[in-house]
Protein backbone atom coordinates (compact mmCIF):
# COMPACT_ATOMS: atom_id res chain seq x y z
CA UNK A 1 -12.08 67.24 51.08
CA UNK A 2 -8.70 68.70 50.19
CA UNK A 3 -7.23 69.11 46.73
CA UNK A 4 -3.95 70.03 45.13
CA UNK A 5 -2.90 70.49 41.54
CA UNK A 6 -0.22 68.01 40.35
CA UNK A 7 2.94 68.78 38.46
CA UNK A 8 1.21 68.04 35.15
CA UNK A 9 -1.15 70.95 34.54
CA UNK A 10 -4.75 69.82 34.24
CA UNK A 11 -4.43 67.13 36.90
CA UNK A 12 -5.42 67.24 40.58
CA UNK A 13 -5.32 64.94 43.63
CA UNK A 14 -8.35 64.91 46.00
CA UNK A 15 -8.11 63.62 49.52
CA UNK A 16 -11.37 63.04 51.39
CA UNK A 17 -11.90 63.38 55.12
CA UNK A 18 -12.77 60.05 56.68
CA UNK A 19 -15.11 59.54 59.60
CA UNK A 20 -14.40 56.20 61.36
CA UNK A 21 -16.53 54.75 64.14
CA UNK A 22 -17.00 51.35 65.72
CA UNK A 23 -19.09 50.26 62.64
CA UNK A 24 -16.50 51.16 60.02
CA UNK A 25 -16.11 54.55 58.30
CA UNK A 26 -17.80 57.05 56.03
CA UNK A 27 -16.31 59.39 53.44
CA UNK A 28 -17.35 61.53 50.45
CA UNK A 29 -15.49 59.94 47.52
CA UNK A 30 -16.53 62.71 45.11
CA UNK A 31 -17.89 66.20 45.91
CA UNK A 32 -19.11 68.26 42.98
CA UNK A 33 -18.60 71.76 44.44
CA UNK A 34 -15.07 70.95 45.57
CA UNK A 35 -14.26 69.46 42.16
CA UNK A 36 -15.58 72.58 40.39
CA UNK A 37 -13.56 74.82 42.68
CA UNK A 38 -10.37 72.93 41.86
CA UNK A 39 -10.88 72.31 38.15
CA UNK A 40 -12.97 75.30 37.14
CA UNK A 41 -15.95 73.37 35.71
CA UNK A 42 -18.36 70.61 36.74
CA UNK A 43 -17.78 66.95 35.93
CA UNK A 44 -20.43 65.35 33.76
CA UNK A 45 -20.21 61.60 34.39
CA UNK A 46 -21.12 59.67 31.24
CA UNK A 47 -19.60 56.32 32.19
CA UNK A 48 -18.21 54.56 35.30
CA UNK A 49 -15.56 51.91 34.76
CA UNK A 50 -14.19 49.40 37.35
CA UNK A 51 -11.11 47.26 36.88
CA UNK A 52 -9.68 44.52 39.12
CA UNK A 53 -5.95 43.81 38.68
CA UNK A 54 -3.23 41.49 39.85
CA UNK A 55 -0.10 43.02 41.36
CA UNK A 56 2.20 44.28 38.59
CA UNK A 57 -0.67 44.88 36.12
CA UNK A 58 0.00 48.07 34.12
CA UNK A 59 -3.01 49.59 32.38
CA UNK A 60 -2.16 52.28 29.87
CA UNK A 61 -0.85 54.63 28.68
CA UNK A 62 -4.31 55.53 27.30
CA UNK A 63 -5.71 58.78 25.91
CA UNK A 64 -8.56 59.91 23.63
CA UNK A 65 -8.91 62.38 20.76
CA UNK A 66 -9.69 65.98 21.76
CA UNK A 67 -12.37 67.11 21.31
CA UNK A 68 -14.05 65.69 23.28
CA UNK A 69 -11.38 63.56 24.95
CA UNK A 70 -12.10 61.86 28.19
CA UNK A 71 -11.62 63.38 31.63
CA UNK A 72 -11.18 60.74 34.35
CA UNK A 73 -11.69 60.83 38.13
CA UNK A 74 -9.84 57.74 39.36
CA UNK A 75 -9.94 56.13 42.85
CA UNK A 76 -8.89 52.86 44.38
CA UNK A 77 -11.66 51.01 46.14
CA UNK A 78 -9.48 48.04 47.23
CA UNK A 79 -5.73 47.46 47.38
CA UNK A 80 -3.21 50.02 46.06
CA UNK A 81 -2.06 51.40 42.79
CA UNK A 82 0.43 53.96 41.45
CA UNK A 83 -1.58 56.30 39.23
CA UNK A 84 0.52 57.96 36.52
CA UNK A 85 -0.27 61.11 34.51
CA UNK A 86 1.67 62.05 31.40
CA UNK A 87 1.58 65.33 29.54
CA UNK A 88 1.28 64.15 25.88
CA UNK A 89 -0.24 67.41 24.59
CA UNK A 90 1.89 68.54 21.61
CA UNK A 91 2.91 72.14 22.16
CA UNK A 92 2.41 72.04 25.95
CA UNK A 93 5.24 73.78 27.88
CA UNK A 94 5.52 70.60 29.94
CA UNK A 95 5.26 68.07 27.14
CA UNK A 96 6.59 64.70 28.31
CA UNK A 97 6.36 65.50 32.03
CA UNK A 98 5.24 62.65 34.25
CA UNK A 99 3.73 62.77 37.74
CA UNK A 100 2.34 59.99 39.93
CA UNK A 101 0.19 59.50 43.01
CA UNK A 102 -0.39 56.43 45.17
CA UNK A 103 -4.13 55.63 45.41
CA UNK A 104 -5.12 53.07 47.99
CA UNK A 105 -7.86 51.92 50.39
CA UNK A 106 -6.17 53.71 53.34
CA UNK A 107 -6.06 57.40 52.35
CA UNK A 108 -8.81 56.83 49.70
CA UNK A 109 -7.33 59.61 47.57
CA UNK A 110 -8.56 60.20 43.99
CA UNK A 111 -6.91 61.75 40.96
CA UNK A 112 -8.56 63.77 38.17
CA UNK A 113 -6.95 64.14 34.78
CA UNK A 114 -8.26 66.51 32.18
CA UNK A 115 -8.98 65.75 28.55
CA UNK A 116 -5.81 65.30 26.52
CA UNK A 117 -3.55 63.84 29.20
CA UNK A 118 -2.12 60.33 29.07
CA UNK A 119 -3.04 57.94 31.88
CA UNK A 120 -1.70 54.73 33.23
CA UNK A 121 -1.56 52.87 36.51
CA UNK A 122 0.28 49.98 38.11
CA UNK A 123 -1.45 47.70 40.61
CA UNK A 124 0.72 47.34 43.65
CA UNK A 125 -1.30 44.50 45.26
CA UNK A 126 -3.44 41.60 44.03
CA UNK A 127 -7.11 42.30 43.58
CA UNK A 128 -6.54 46.05 43.34
CA UNK A 129 -9.87 47.58 42.32
CA UNK A 130 -9.91 50.88 40.53
CA UNK A 131 -12.97 53.01 39.75
CA UNK A 132 -13.06 55.68 37.03
CA UNK A 133 -15.70 58.36 36.62
CA UNK A 134 -15.44 59.25 32.92
CA UNK A 135 -16.67 62.45 31.27
CA UNK A 136 -17.52 60.68 27.93
CA UNK A 137 -18.43 57.11 27.00
CA UNK A 138 -15.80 54.77 25.66
CA UNK A 139 -15.31 55.34 21.96
CA UNK A 140 -12.89 52.79 20.46
CA UNK A 141 -12.38 54.82 17.28
CA UNK A 142 -11.11 57.77 19.31
CA UNK A 143 -9.04 55.83 21.82
CA UNK A 144 -5.22 55.48 21.54
CA UNK A 145 -2.32 54.15 23.52
CA UNK A 146 1.39 54.51 24.13
CA UNK A 147 3.45 51.64 25.40
CA UNK A 148 4.19 52.10 29.12
CA UNK A 149 7.64 50.60 28.75
CA UNK A 150 8.78 53.33 26.31
CA UNK A 151 12.26 54.20 27.72
CA UNK A 152 11.84 57.83 26.79
CA UNK A 153 8.85 58.17 29.11
CA UNK A 154 10.73 56.83 32.09
CA UNK A 155 7.47 55.94 33.91
CA UNK A 156 8.07 55.16 37.56
CA UNK A 157 7.19 51.47 37.32
CA UNK A 158 8.08 49.78 40.58
CA UNK A 159 11.36 47.81 40.65
CA UNK A 160 10.93 44.13 41.48
CA UNK A 161 7.37 44.00 40.19
CA UNK A 162 7.43 42.60 36.64
CA UNK A 163 4.94 44.50 34.49
CA UNK A 164 1.90 42.59 33.26
CA UNK A 165 0.67 44.20 30.03
CA UNK A 166 -2.22 43.51 27.74
CA UNK A 167 -1.36 42.60 24.14
CA UNK A 168 -2.86 45.95 23.02
CA UNK A 169 -0.65 47.97 25.43
CA UNK A 170 2.41 45.88 24.55
CA UNK A 171 1.89 46.60 20.80
CA UNK A 172 1.20 50.30 21.31
CA UNK A 173 3.60 52.84 19.78
CA UNK A 174 6.20 54.83 21.71
CA UNK A 175 5.52 58.49 22.47
CA UNK A 176 7.72 59.50 19.55
CA UNK A 177 5.98 57.14 17.16
CA UNK A 178 2.51 58.36 18.32
CA UNK A 179 3.64 61.93 17.74
CA UNK A 180 4.93 61.10 14.22
CA UNK A 181 1.63 59.32 13.46
CA UNK A 182 -0.35 62.43 14.45
CA UNK A 183 -2.19 60.60 17.25
CA UNK A 184 -1.36 62.94 20.10
CA UNK A 185 -3.67 65.73 21.28
CA UNK A 186 -2.60 69.29 20.57
CA UNK A 187 -2.14 71.68 23.47
CA UNK A 188 -4.19 74.44 21.82
CA UNK A 189 -7.14 72.09 21.13
CA UNK A 190 -7.10 70.87 24.73
CA UNK A 191 -7.05 74.46 26.07
CA UNK A 192 -9.88 75.51 23.80
CA UNK A 193 -12.05 72.46 24.71
CA UNK A 194 -11.53 72.91 28.43
CA UNK A 195 -12.32 76.62 28.20
CA UNK A 196 -15.61 75.64 26.59
CA UNK A 197 -16.41 73.51 29.66
CA UNK A 198 -15.96 76.55 31.85
CA UNK A 199 -18.43 78.72 29.94
């Protein structure tokens, strides 16, 4: 398995080796030692989520209070999606930076985003199936969102694919509003929490 850090610090892409034969193929979708080498700590999986989406479905931008936040290891089991990571950590030197990676059932790449980062994805095909390994269980009181159509974010939503949003994501605040409301994670808190995972 190969890995590379993405433009948003605290996020990585993992690309597995695939072993095809006349029966199909085999791959290691997650490998703990490789993950720990890349990220600097082990991933404790507290919950696994699966979503199935129509083409154009946008899920996010979602994030959780830090501590503890929620680290996510995201892969695409079927179809294709554009996975989007946003630095929403107030005080981060790259605050507002966006990076994206195509996840699909061809390369079978995965993305990990650390606690404190914003996450969204756009389904590029019908029946796109995403799987998330999550470091903490879902906690609705600690979960927040930013509207993915905030013009200041300039998310790379595909042209010609009208976005399908949930009512919750449609009503979510902009990045500026979330910052004014004190909802965004602080860079120092994120660094401190992640350092504690490495001890």
